[in-house]
Amino acid sequence: MPAPQGAPAWAAELSLAFESGASGQFIGVGTRQGTVFFITRNGFWTAPAPPVTFTCPSNTGAIIANQIPIGPPNVIARGISFTEPGQNGTPGANFFTIPQPVNYIVQNVTYTSQALIINDNVTTTASFFFTDSVLLQQSEAIDVQGFNLFNLIEIGNPGWILQYDSRNF
């Protein structure tokens, strides 16, 4: 599928599906958005692709991401990011990613929410399980002031550089 107008050439549309939950732990019901971003060999997180809006039905045990774009040669991983569930067709406010798997306990049973980072540049389908409490409390927001990947811009060459107190301006 071609990239939306104005999006980078690599921003193919992410496709999402759902899997029923057998463990008794479910992903929250509601309207969400999902997106994908690249992680380069320098550790840089790129601007995300245009978000895809979807609605999680009840008893959703996992979100299956298809058509995950493959990045250029300097990409070593891809990150998936989701919003919290919203109601009445409106997605949640912020995008979150879970960099590392998170263990949590419910009634003395340990569960693991999966990381939303795909540590390669070849996988195009992945299944993700997480709870909303993990997504909101133990994850990293990617669209907040000071760390807004959606507003990344390339700064052009400077006309001059001034050094003061071991810093460049």
N, C-alpha and C. Protein backbone atom coordinates (compact mmCIF):
# COMPACT_ATOMS: atom_id res chain seq x y z
N MET A 1 0.85 -1.17 0.00
CA MET A 1 0.00 0.00 0.00
C MET A 1 0.90 1.23 0.00
N PRO A 2 0.62 2.23 -0.84
CA PRO A 2 1.49 3.40 -0.90
C PRO A 2 1.39 4.24 0.37
N ALA A 3 2.45 5.00 0.62
CA ALA A 3 2.48 5.88 1.78
C ALA A 3 1.52 7.04 1.57
N PRO A 4 0.89 7.54 2.65
CA PRO A 4 0.02 8.70 2.53
C PRO A 4 0.80 9.92 2.04
N GLN A 5 0.11 10.87 1.40
CA GLN A 5 0.76 12.05 0.86
C GLN A 5 1.43 12.84 1.99
N GLY A 6 2.65 13.26 1.78
CA GLY A 6 3.39 14.01 2.77
C GLY A 6 4.16 13.13 3.74
N ALA A 7 3.92 11.83 3.74
CA ALA A 7 4.62 10.92 4.65
C ALA A 7 5.92 10.47 3.99
N PRO A 8 6.90 10.04 4.80
CA PRO A 8 8.13 9.51 4.21
C PRO A 8 7.82 8.31 3.31
N ALA A 9 8.70 8.03 2.37
CA ALA A 9 8.46 6.95 1.41
C ALA A 9 8.32 5.60 2.10
N TRP A 10 8.92 5.42 3.28
CA TRP A 10 8.87 4.14 3.98
C TRP A 10 7.60 3.98 4.81
N ALA A 11 6.75 4.99 4.89
CA ALA A 11 5.59 4.96 5.80
C ALA A 11 4.42 4.19 5.21
N ALA A 12 4.60 2.89 5.03
CA ALA A 12 3.51 2.05 4.57
C ALA A 12 2.46 1.96 5.67
N GLU A 13 1.23 1.68 5.29
CA GLU A 13 0.17 1.64 6.29
C GLU A 13 0.22 0.36 7.09
N LEU A 14 0.26 0.50 8.39
CA LEU A 14 0.25 -0.61 9.31
C LEU A 14 -1.14 -1.21 9.32
N SER A 15 -1.25 -2.52 9.33
CA SER A 15 -2.54 -3.22 9.37
C SER A 15 -2.63 -3.96 10.69
N LEU A 16 -3.80 -3.89 11.35
CA LEU A 16 -3.96 -4.49 12.67
C LEU A 16 -5.12 -5.47 12.71
N ALA A 17 -4.96 -6.55 13.46
CA ALA A 17 -6.01 -7.55 13.66
C ALA A 17 -6.01 -7.91 15.15
N PHE A 18 -6.94 -8.77 15.55
CA PHE A 18 -7.09 -9.08 16.97
C PHE A 18 -7.13 -10.59 17.19
N GLU A 19 -6.72 -11.00 18.39
CA GLU A 19 -6.71 -12.40 18.77
C GLU A 19 -7.44 -12.52 20.10
N SER A 20 -8.29 -13.52 20.25
CA SER A 20 -9.03 -13.71 21.50
C SER A 20 -8.09 -14.10 22.62
N GLY A 21 -8.42 -13.67 23.83
CA GLY A 21 -7.56 -13.93 24.99
C GLY A 21 -7.99 -15.18 25.73
N ALA A 22 -7.08 -16.11 25.91
CA ALA A 22 -7.37 -17.33 26.64
C ALA A 22 -6.89 -17.26 28.08
N SER A 23 -6.02 -16.29 28.38
CA SER A 23 -5.40 -16.23 29.71
C SER A 23 -6.28 -15.55 30.74
N GLY A 24 -7.35 -14.89 30.33
CA GLY A 24 -8.16 -14.13 31.26
C GLY A 24 -7.68 -12.70 31.40
N GLN A 25 -6.56 -12.35 30.77
CA GLN A 25 -6.05 -10.99 30.74
C GLN A 25 -6.33 -10.41 29.37
N PHE A 26 -6.95 -9.24 29.33
CA PHE A 26 -7.39 -8.69 28.06
C PHE A 26 -6.86 -7.28 27.85
N ILE A 27 -6.76 -6.91 26.57
CA ILE A 27 -6.45 -5.54 26.19
C ILE A 27 -7.75 -4.75 26.27
N GLY A 28 -7.69 -3.53 26.79
CA GLY A 28 -8.88 -2.73 27.01
C GLY A 28 -9.69 -2.47 25.76
N VAL A 29 -11.02 -2.45 25.92
CA VAL A 29 -11.97 -2.20 24.84
C VAL A 29 -11.98 -0.70 24.53
N GLY A 30 -12.03 -0.36 23.26
CA GLY A 30 -12.15 1.04 22.88
C GLY A 30 -11.40 1.35 21.61
N THR A 31 -11.51 2.59 21.19
CA THR A 31 -10.86 3.06 19.97
C THR A 31 -9.44 3.49 20.30
N ARG A 32 -8.51 3.01 19.51
CA ARG A 32 -7.09 3.31 19.68
C ARG A 32 -6.49 3.76 18.36
N GLN A 33 -5.25 4.21 18.44
CA GLN A 33 -4.45 4.43 17.25
C GLN A 33 -3.13 3.68 17.44
N GLY A 34 -2.55 3.26 16.33
CA GLY A 34 -1.26 2.59 16.35
C GLY A 34 -0.37 3.16 15.28
N THR A 35 0.92 3.12 15.53
CA THR A 35 1.88 3.61 14.55
C THR A 35 3.19 2.84 14.72
N VAL A 36 4.10 3.04 13.81
CA VAL A 36 5.40 2.38 13.85
C VAL A 36 6.48 3.42 13.61
N PHE A 37 7.62 3.22 14.27
CA PHE A 37 8.78 4.09 14.06
C PHE A 37 10.02 3.22 13.97
N PHE A 38 11.07 3.78 13.41
CA PHE A 38 12.32 3.03 13.24
C PHE A 38 13.30 3.40 14.35
N ILE A 39 14.17 2.45 14.68
CA ILE A 39 15.27 2.69 15.61
C ILE A 39 16.55 2.40 14.84
N THR A 40 17.41 3.40 14.73
CA THR A 40 18.62 3.26 13.92
C THR A 40 19.76 2.66 14.74
N ARG A 41 20.84 2.32 14.08
CA ARG A 41 21.98 1.72 14.77
C ARG A 41 22.62 2.69 15.76
N ASN A 42 22.34 3.99 15.65
CA ASN A 42 22.84 4.98 16.61
C ASN A 42 21.93 5.09 17.83
N GLY A 43 20.78 4.37 17.83
CA GLY A 43 19.83 4.47 18.91
C GLY A 43 18.78 5.55 18.71
N PHE A 44 18.79 6.21 17.57
CA PHE A 44 17.85 7.29 17.26
C PHE A 44 16.47 6.72 16.93
N TRP A 45 15.41 7.30 17.50
CA TRP A 45 14.03 6.91 17.18
C TRP A 45 13.50 7.92 16.17
N THR A 46 13.10 7.44 15.00
CA THR A 46 12.64 8.32 13.92
C THR A 46 11.21 8.79 14.17
N ALA A 47 10.77 9.71 13.33
CA ALA A 47 9.38 10.15 13.36
C ALA A 47 8.49 8.96 12.97
N PRO A 48 7.36 8.80 13.64
CA PRO A 48 6.47 7.66 13.35
C PRO A 48 5.74 7.83 12.01
N ALA A 49 5.25 6.71 11.52
CA ALA A 49 4.39 6.72 10.33
C ALA A 49 3.04 7.32 10.71
N PRO A 50 2.23 7.73 9.73
CA PRO A 50 0.89 8.23 10.06
C PRO A 50 0.11 7.16 10.83
N PRO A 51 -0.59 7.54 11.90
CA PRO A 51 -1.30 6.57 12.73
C PRO A 51 -2.46 5.89 12.02
N VAL A 52 -2.76 4.67 12.45
CA VAL A 52 -3.90 3.90 11.99
C VAL A 52 -4.89 3.84 13.14
N THR A 53 -6.16 4.15 12.89
CA THR A 53 -7.20 4.11 13.92
C THR A 53 -7.94 2.78 13.84
N PHE A 54 -8.20 2.17 15.01
CA PHE A 54 -8.90 0.88 15.05
C PHE A 54 -9.63 0.79 16.38
N THR A 55 -10.56 -0.16 16.49
CA THR A 55 -11.31 -0.37 17.71
C THR A 55 -11.08 -1.80 18.21
N CYS A 56 -10.66 -1.93 19.46
CA CYS A 56 -10.46 -3.24 20.08
C CYS A 56 -11.81 -3.73 20.59
N PRO A 57 -12.24 -4.91 20.15
CA PRO A 57 -13.47 -5.48 20.69
C PRO A 57 -13.23 -6.10 22.07
N SER A 58 -14.28 -6.51 22.74
CA SER A 58 -14.10 -7.17 24.03
C SER A 58 -13.41 -8.52 23.82
N ASN A 59 -12.79 -9.02 24.86
CA ASN A 59 -12.06 -10.29 24.85
C ASN A 59 -10.84 -10.29 23.92
N THR A 60 -10.27 -9.11 23.66
CA THR A 60 -9.06 -9.04 22.84
C THR A 60 -7.87 -9.42 23.70
N GLY A 61 -7.20 -10.50 23.31
CA GLY A 61 -6.04 -10.97 24.06
C GLY A 61 -4.73 -10.50 23.47
N ALA A 62 -4.73 -10.09 22.19
CA ALA A 62 -3.51 -9.62 21.55
C ALA A 62 -3.88 -8.77 20.34
N ILE A 63 -3.00 -7.86 20.01
CA ILE A 63 -3.13 -7.08 18.78
C ILE A 63 -2.07 -7.61 17.82
N ILE A 64 -2.51 -7.98 16.63
CA ILE A 64 -1.59 -8.52 15.63
C ILE A 64 -1.32 -7.42 14.60
N ALA A 65 -0.07 -7.04 14.49
CA ALA A 65 0.34 -6.00 13.53
C ALA A 65 0.86 -6.68 12.27
N ASN A 66 0.30 -6.31 11.14
CA ASN A 66 0.72 -6.81 9.83
C ASN A 66 1.26 -5.66 9.01
N GLN A 67 1.97 -5.96 7.96
CA GLN A 67 2.53 -4.96 7.05
C GLN A 67 3.42 -3.97 7.80
N ILE A 68 4.18 -4.46 8.77
CA ILE A 68 5.12 -3.60 9.48
C ILE A 68 6.22 -3.23 8.49
N PRO A 69 6.44 -1.95 8.26
CA PRO A 69 7.40 -1.56 7.22
C PRO A 69 8.83 -1.94 7.59
N ILE A 70 9.58 -2.27 6.56
CA ILE A 70 11.01 -2.57 6.70
C ILE A 70 11.76 -1.28 6.40
N GLY A 71 12.71 -0.95 7.26
CA GLY A 71 13.42 0.32 7.12
C GLY A 71 14.64 0.24 6.22
N PRO A 72 15.29 1.38 6.07
CA PRO A 72 16.53 1.43 5.30
C PRO A 72 17.64 0.64 6.01
N PRO A 73 18.80 0.51 5.40
CA PRO A 73 19.86 -0.34 5.95
C PRO A 73 20.35 0.04 7.35
N ASN A 74 20.22 1.30 7.76
CA ASN A 74 20.72 1.70 9.08
C ASN A 74 19.74 1.41 10.21
N VAL A 75 18.58 0.82 9.90
CA VAL A 75 17.58 0.50 10.91
C VAL A 75 17.88 -0.87 11.51
N ILE A 76 17.93 -0.93 12.85
CA ILE A 76 18.21 -2.20 13.53
C ILE A 76 16.98 -2.74 14.26
N ALA A 77 15.95 -1.90 14.43
CA ALA A 77 14.74 -2.33 15.13
C ALA A 77 13.59 -1.40 14.73
N ARG A 78 12.37 -1.86 15.01
CA ARG A 78 11.19 -1.02 14.80
C ARG A 78 10.40 -1.00 16.09
N GLY A 79 9.77 0.11 16.36
CA GLY A 79 8.93 0.24 17.54
C GLY A 79 7.49 0.43 17.14
N ILE A 80 6.60 -0.21 17.87
CA ILE A 80 5.16 -0.04 17.66
C ILE A 80 4.66 0.79 18.83
N SER A 81 3.74 1.67 18.57
CA SER A 81 3.21 2.52 19.62
C SER A 81 1.69 2.56 19.51
N PHE A 82 1.01 2.50 20.66
CA PHE A 82 -0.45 2.53 20.71
C PHE A 82 -0.92 3.61 21.67
N THR A 83 -2.12 4.10 21.44
CA THR A 83 -2.76 5.00 22.40
C THR A 83 -3.54 4.16 23.41
N GLU A 84 -3.91 4.80 24.51
CA GLU A 84 -4.83 4.15 25.43
C GLU A 84 -6.20 4.12 24.76
N PRO A 85 -7.13 3.27 25.24
CA PRO A 85 -8.43 3.20 24.57
C PRO A 85 -9.27 4.44 24.84
N GLY A 86 -9.94 4.91 23.80
CA GLY A 86 -10.88 6.00 23.93
C GLY A 86 -12.29 5.47 23.73
N GLN A 87 -13.26 6.31 23.93
CA GLN A 87 -14.66 5.90 23.82
C GLN A 87 -15.36 6.68 22.70
N ASN A 88 -16.48 6.15 22.26
CA ASN A 88 -17.33 6.81 21.26
C ASN A 88 -16.58 7.12 19.98
N GLY A 89 -15.69 6.23 19.56
CA GLY A 89 -14.98 6.41 18.30
C GLY A 89 -13.81 7.37 18.35
N THR A 90 -13.51 7.91 19.51
CA THR A 90 -12.38 8.83 19.65
C THR A 90 -11.22 8.10 20.31
N PRO A 91 -10.04 8.06 19.65
CA PRO A 91 -8.91 7.34 20.24
C PRO A 91 -8.36 8.06 21.46
N GLY A 92 -7.57 7.34 22.24
CA GLY A 92 -6.91 7.93 23.41
C GLY A 92 -5.98 9.06 23.02
N ALA A 93 -5.51 9.77 24.04
CA ALA A 93 -4.78 11.02 23.81
C ALA A 93 -3.32 10.84 23.41
N ASN A 94 -2.57 9.96 24.09
CA ASN A 94 -1.14 9.88 23.85
C ASN A 94 -0.73 8.52 23.31
N PHE A 95 0.42 8.51 22.63
CA PHE A 95 1.00 7.27 22.11
C PHE A 95 2.06 6.77 23.09
N PHE A 96 2.03 5.46 23.35
CA PHE A 96 2.96 4.85 24.28
C PHE A 96 3.61 3.64 23.63
N THR A 97 4.87 3.39 24.00
CA THR A 97 5.54 2.17 23.61
C THR A 97 6.15 1.53 24.85
N ILE A 98 6.27 0.22 24.83
CA ILE A 98 6.83 -0.52 25.96
C ILE A 98 8.20 -1.03 25.51
N PRO A 99 9.29 -0.39 25.96
CA PRO A 99 10.62 -0.77 25.46
C PRO A 99 11.10 -2.16 25.90
N GLN A 100 10.72 -2.61 27.09
CA GLN A 100 11.15 -3.90 27.62
C GLN A 100 9.93 -4.68 28.11
N PRO A 101 9.96 -6.01 28.09
CA PRO A 101 8.84 -6.78 28.65
C PRO A 101 8.62 -6.41 30.12
N VAL A 102 7.35 -6.41 30.54
CA VAL A 102 6.99 -6.03 31.90
C VAL A 102 6.24 -7.18 32.56
N ASN A 103 6.72 -7.65 33.71
CA ASN A 103 6.02 -8.66 34.49
C ASN A 103 5.07 -7.98 35.47
N TYR A 104 3.88 -8.52 35.62
CA TYR A 104 2.93 -8.02 36.61
C TYR A 104 2.18 -9.20 37.19
N ILE A 105 1.63 -9.01 38.38
CA ILE A 105 0.99 -10.10 39.10
C ILE A 105 -0.49 -9.77 39.33
N VAL A 106 -1.36 -10.74 39.02
CA VAL A 106 -2.79 -10.64 39.28
C VAL A 106 -3.19 -11.90 40.02
N GLN A 107 -3.69 -11.76 41.22
CA GLN A 107 -4.13 -12.88 42.05
C GLN A 107 -3.06 -13.98 42.14
N ASN A 108 -1.85 -13.56 42.46
CA ASN A 108 -0.69 -14.45 42.64
C ASN A 108 -0.28 -15.20 41.38
N VAL A 109 -0.69 -14.74 40.21
CA VAL A 109 -0.27 -15.31 38.94
C VAL A 109 0.54 -14.25 38.20
N THR A 110 1.73 -14.61 37.75
CA THR A 110 2.60 -13.67 37.04
C THR A 110 2.32 -13.72 35.54
N TYR A 111 2.11 -12.56 34.96
CA TYR A 111 1.90 -12.41 33.52
C TYR A 111 3.01 -11.51 32.98
N THR A 112 3.25 -11.58 31.68
CA THR A 112 4.25 -10.72 31.04
C THR A 112 3.62 -9.96 29.89
N SER A 113 3.70 -8.63 29.97
CA SER A 113 3.32 -7.79 28.83
C SER A 113 4.53 -7.69 27.92
N GLN A 114 4.32 -7.92 26.65
CA GLN A 114 5.44 -7.95 25.71
C GLN A 114 5.95 -6.54 25.40
N ALA A 115 7.23 -6.47 25.07
CA ALA A 115 7.80 -5.22 24.60
C ALA A 115 7.20 -4.91 23.23
N LEU A 116 7.05 -3.64 22.92
CA LEU A 116 6.53 -3.23 21.62
C LEU A 116 7.65 -2.86 20.67
N ILE A 117 8.83 -3.38 20.93
CA ILE A 117 10.00 -3.16 20.08
C ILE A 117 10.31 -4.46 19.35
N ILE A 118 10.46 -4.39 18.04
CA ILE A 118 10.82 -5.55 17.22
C ILE A 118 12.31 -5.40 16.92
N ASN A 119 13.12 -6.28 17.47
CA ASN A 119 14.58 -6.12 17.40
C ASN A 119 15.19 -6.67 16.13
N ASP A 120 14.58 -6.40 15.00
CA ASP A 120 15.17 -6.72 13.70
C ASP A 120 14.54 -5.79 12.67
N ASN A 121 14.99 -5.92 11.43
CA ASN A 121 14.47 -5.09 10.35
C ASN A 121 13.89 -5.95 9.24
N VAL A 122 13.43 -7.15 9.57
CA VAL A 122 12.88 -8.05 8.55
C VAL A 122 11.47 -8.54 8.87
N THR A 123 11.11 -8.62 10.15
CA THR A 123 9.80 -9.13 10.55
C THR A 123 8.70 -8.17 10.09
N THR A 124 7.67 -8.70 9.45
CA THR A 124 6.57 -7.84 8.98
C THR A 124 5.25 -8.12 9.70
N THR A 125 5.21 -9.14 10.57
CA THR A 125 4.02 -9.46 11.35
C THR A 125 4.44 -9.78 12.77
N ALA A 126 3.72 -9.21 13.74
CA ALA A 126 4.03 -9.48 15.14
C ALA A 126 2.75 -9.40 15.96
N SER A 127 2.71 -10.15 17.05
CA SER A 127 1.56 -10.17 17.96
C SER A 127 1.99 -9.55 19.28
N PHE A 128 1.16 -8.63 19.81
CA PHE A 128 1.50 -7.92 21.03
C PHE A 128 0.41 -8.08 22.07
N PHE A 129 0.82 -8.40 23.31
CA PHE A 129 -0.09 -8.46 24.44
C PHE A 129 0.39 -7.50 25.51
N PHE A 130 -0.51 -6.69 26.03
CA PHE A 130 -0.22 -5.78 27.12
C PHE A 130 -1.54 -5.39 27.76
N THR A 131 -1.50 -4.96 29.00
CA THR A 131 -2.71 -4.43 29.63
C THR A 131 -2.62 -2.91 29.62
N ASP A 132 -3.75 -2.27 29.78
CA ASP A 132 -3.75 -0.81 29.78
C ASP A 132 -2.99 -0.23 30.96
N SER A 133 -3.01 -0.92 32.10
CA SER A 133 -2.26 -0.41 33.25
C SER A 133 -0.76 -0.41 32.95
N VAL A 134 -0.26 -1.44 32.29
CA VAL A 134 1.15 -1.47 31.91
C VAL A 134 1.43 -0.40 30.87
N LEU A 135 0.55 -0.26 29.88
CA LEU A 135 0.75 0.73 28.83
C LEU A 135 0.81 2.14 29.40
N LEU A 136 -0.02 2.44 30.37
CA LEU A 136 -0.09 3.79 30.91
C LEU A 136 0.93 4.07 32.01
N GLN A 137 1.37 3.04 32.74
CA GLN A 137 2.23 3.28 33.90
C GLN A 137 3.68 2.89 33.70
N GLN A 138 3.97 1.92 32.85
CA GLN A 138 5.33 1.42 32.74
C GLN A 138 5.83 1.46 31.31
N SER A 139 5.44 2.50 30.60
CA SER A 139 5.84 2.62 29.20
C SER A 139 6.42 4.01 28.97
N GLU A 140 6.75 4.28 27.74
CA GLU A 140 7.32 5.57 27.38
C GLU A 140 6.40 6.26 26.37
N ALA A 141 5.96 7.47 26.71
CA ALA A 141 5.13 8.25 25.78
C ALA A 141 6.04 8.82 24.70
N ILE A 142 5.58 8.78 23.45
CA ILE A 142 6.42 9.27 22.35
C ILE A 142 5.87 10.55 21.75
N ASP A 143 4.84 11.15 22.38
CA ASP A 143 4.27 12.37 21.81
C ASP A 143 4.01 13.43 22.88
N VAL A 144 4.94 13.54 23.81
CA VAL A 144 4.81 14.52 24.88
C VAL A 144 5.86 15.62 24.69
N GLN A 145 5.62 16.77 25.29
CA GLN A 145 6.55 17.88 25.16
C GLN A 145 7.93 17.45 25.64
N GLY A 146 8.93 17.73 24.84
CA GLY A 146 10.30 17.34 25.16
C GLY A 146 10.71 16.01 24.53
N PHE A 147 9.73 15.19 24.15
CA PHE A 147 10.02 13.92 23.48
C PHE A 147 8.86 13.59 22.55
N ASN A 148 8.64 14.46 21.57
CA ASN A 148 7.53 14.29 20.64
C ASN A 148 8.09 13.84 19.30
N LEU A 149 8.05 12.53 19.06
CA LEU A 149 8.60 12.00 17.81
C LEU A 149 7.82 12.49 16.59
N PHE A 150 6.54 12.83 16.77
CA PHE A 150 5.74 13.31 15.64
C PHE A 150 6.20 14.68 15.15
N ASN A 151 6.89 15.44 15.99
CA ASN A 151 7.33 16.78 15.61
C ASN A 151 8.82 16.87 15.32
N LEU A 152 9.46 15.74 15.05
CA LEU A 152 10.88 15.78 14.71
C LEU A 152 11.07 16.49 13.38
N ILE A 153 12.03 17.38 13.35
CA ILE A 153 12.37 18.07 12.10
C ILE A 153 13.88 18.02 11.93
N GLU A 154 14.31 18.11 10.70
CA GLU A 154 15.73 18.17 10.43
C GLU A 154 16.16 19.62 10.47
N ILE A 155 17.19 19.88 11.25
CA ILE A 155 17.72 21.24 11.34
C ILE A 155 18.77 21.39 10.26
N GLY A 156 18.66 22.46 9.51
CA GLY A 156 19.60 22.71 8.41
C GLY A 156 20.99 23.06 8.92
N ASN A 157 21.91 23.25 7.99
CA ASN A 157 23.27 23.62 8.35
C ASN A 157 23.28 25.00 8.98
N PRO A 158 23.99 25.17 10.09
CA PRO A 158 24.03 26.48 10.73
C PRO A 158 24.93 27.45 9.97
N GLY A 159 24.63 28.74 10.11
CA GLY A 159 25.48 29.77 9.52
C GLY A 159 26.76 29.94 10.31
N TRP A 160 26.69 29.65 11.62
CA TRP A 160 27.85 29.75 12.49
C TRP A 160 27.59 28.94 13.75
N ILE A 161 28.66 28.62 14.46
CA ILE A 161 28.57 27.91 15.74
C ILE A 161 29.42 28.67 16.74
N LEU A 162 28.86 28.92 17.91
CA LEU A 162 29.57 29.62 18.96
C LEU A 162 29.73 28.68 20.14
N GLN A 163 30.95 28.59 20.67
CA GLN A 163 31.19 27.74 21.82
C GLN A 163 31.30 28.60 23.07
N TYR A 164 30.58 28.18 24.12
CA TYR A 164 30.64 28.89 25.40
C TYR A 164 30.46 27.87 26.51
N ASP A 165 31.35 27.84 27.46
CA ASP A 165 31.25 26.99 28.64
C ASP A 165 31.04 25.51 28.25
N SER A 166 31.84 25.01 27.35
CA SER A 166 31.81 23.62 26.88
C SER A 166 30.50 23.25 26.18
N ARG A 167 29.77 24.24 25.69
CA ARG A 167 28.53 23.98 24.94
C ARG A 167 28.60 24.70 23.60
N ASN A 168 27.94 24.14 22.61
CA ASN A 168 27.86 24.77 21.29
C ASN A 168 26.50 25.41 21.10
N PHE A 169 26.50 26.61 20.54
CA PHE A 169 25.25 27.33 20.23
C PHE A 169 25.21 27.67 18.76
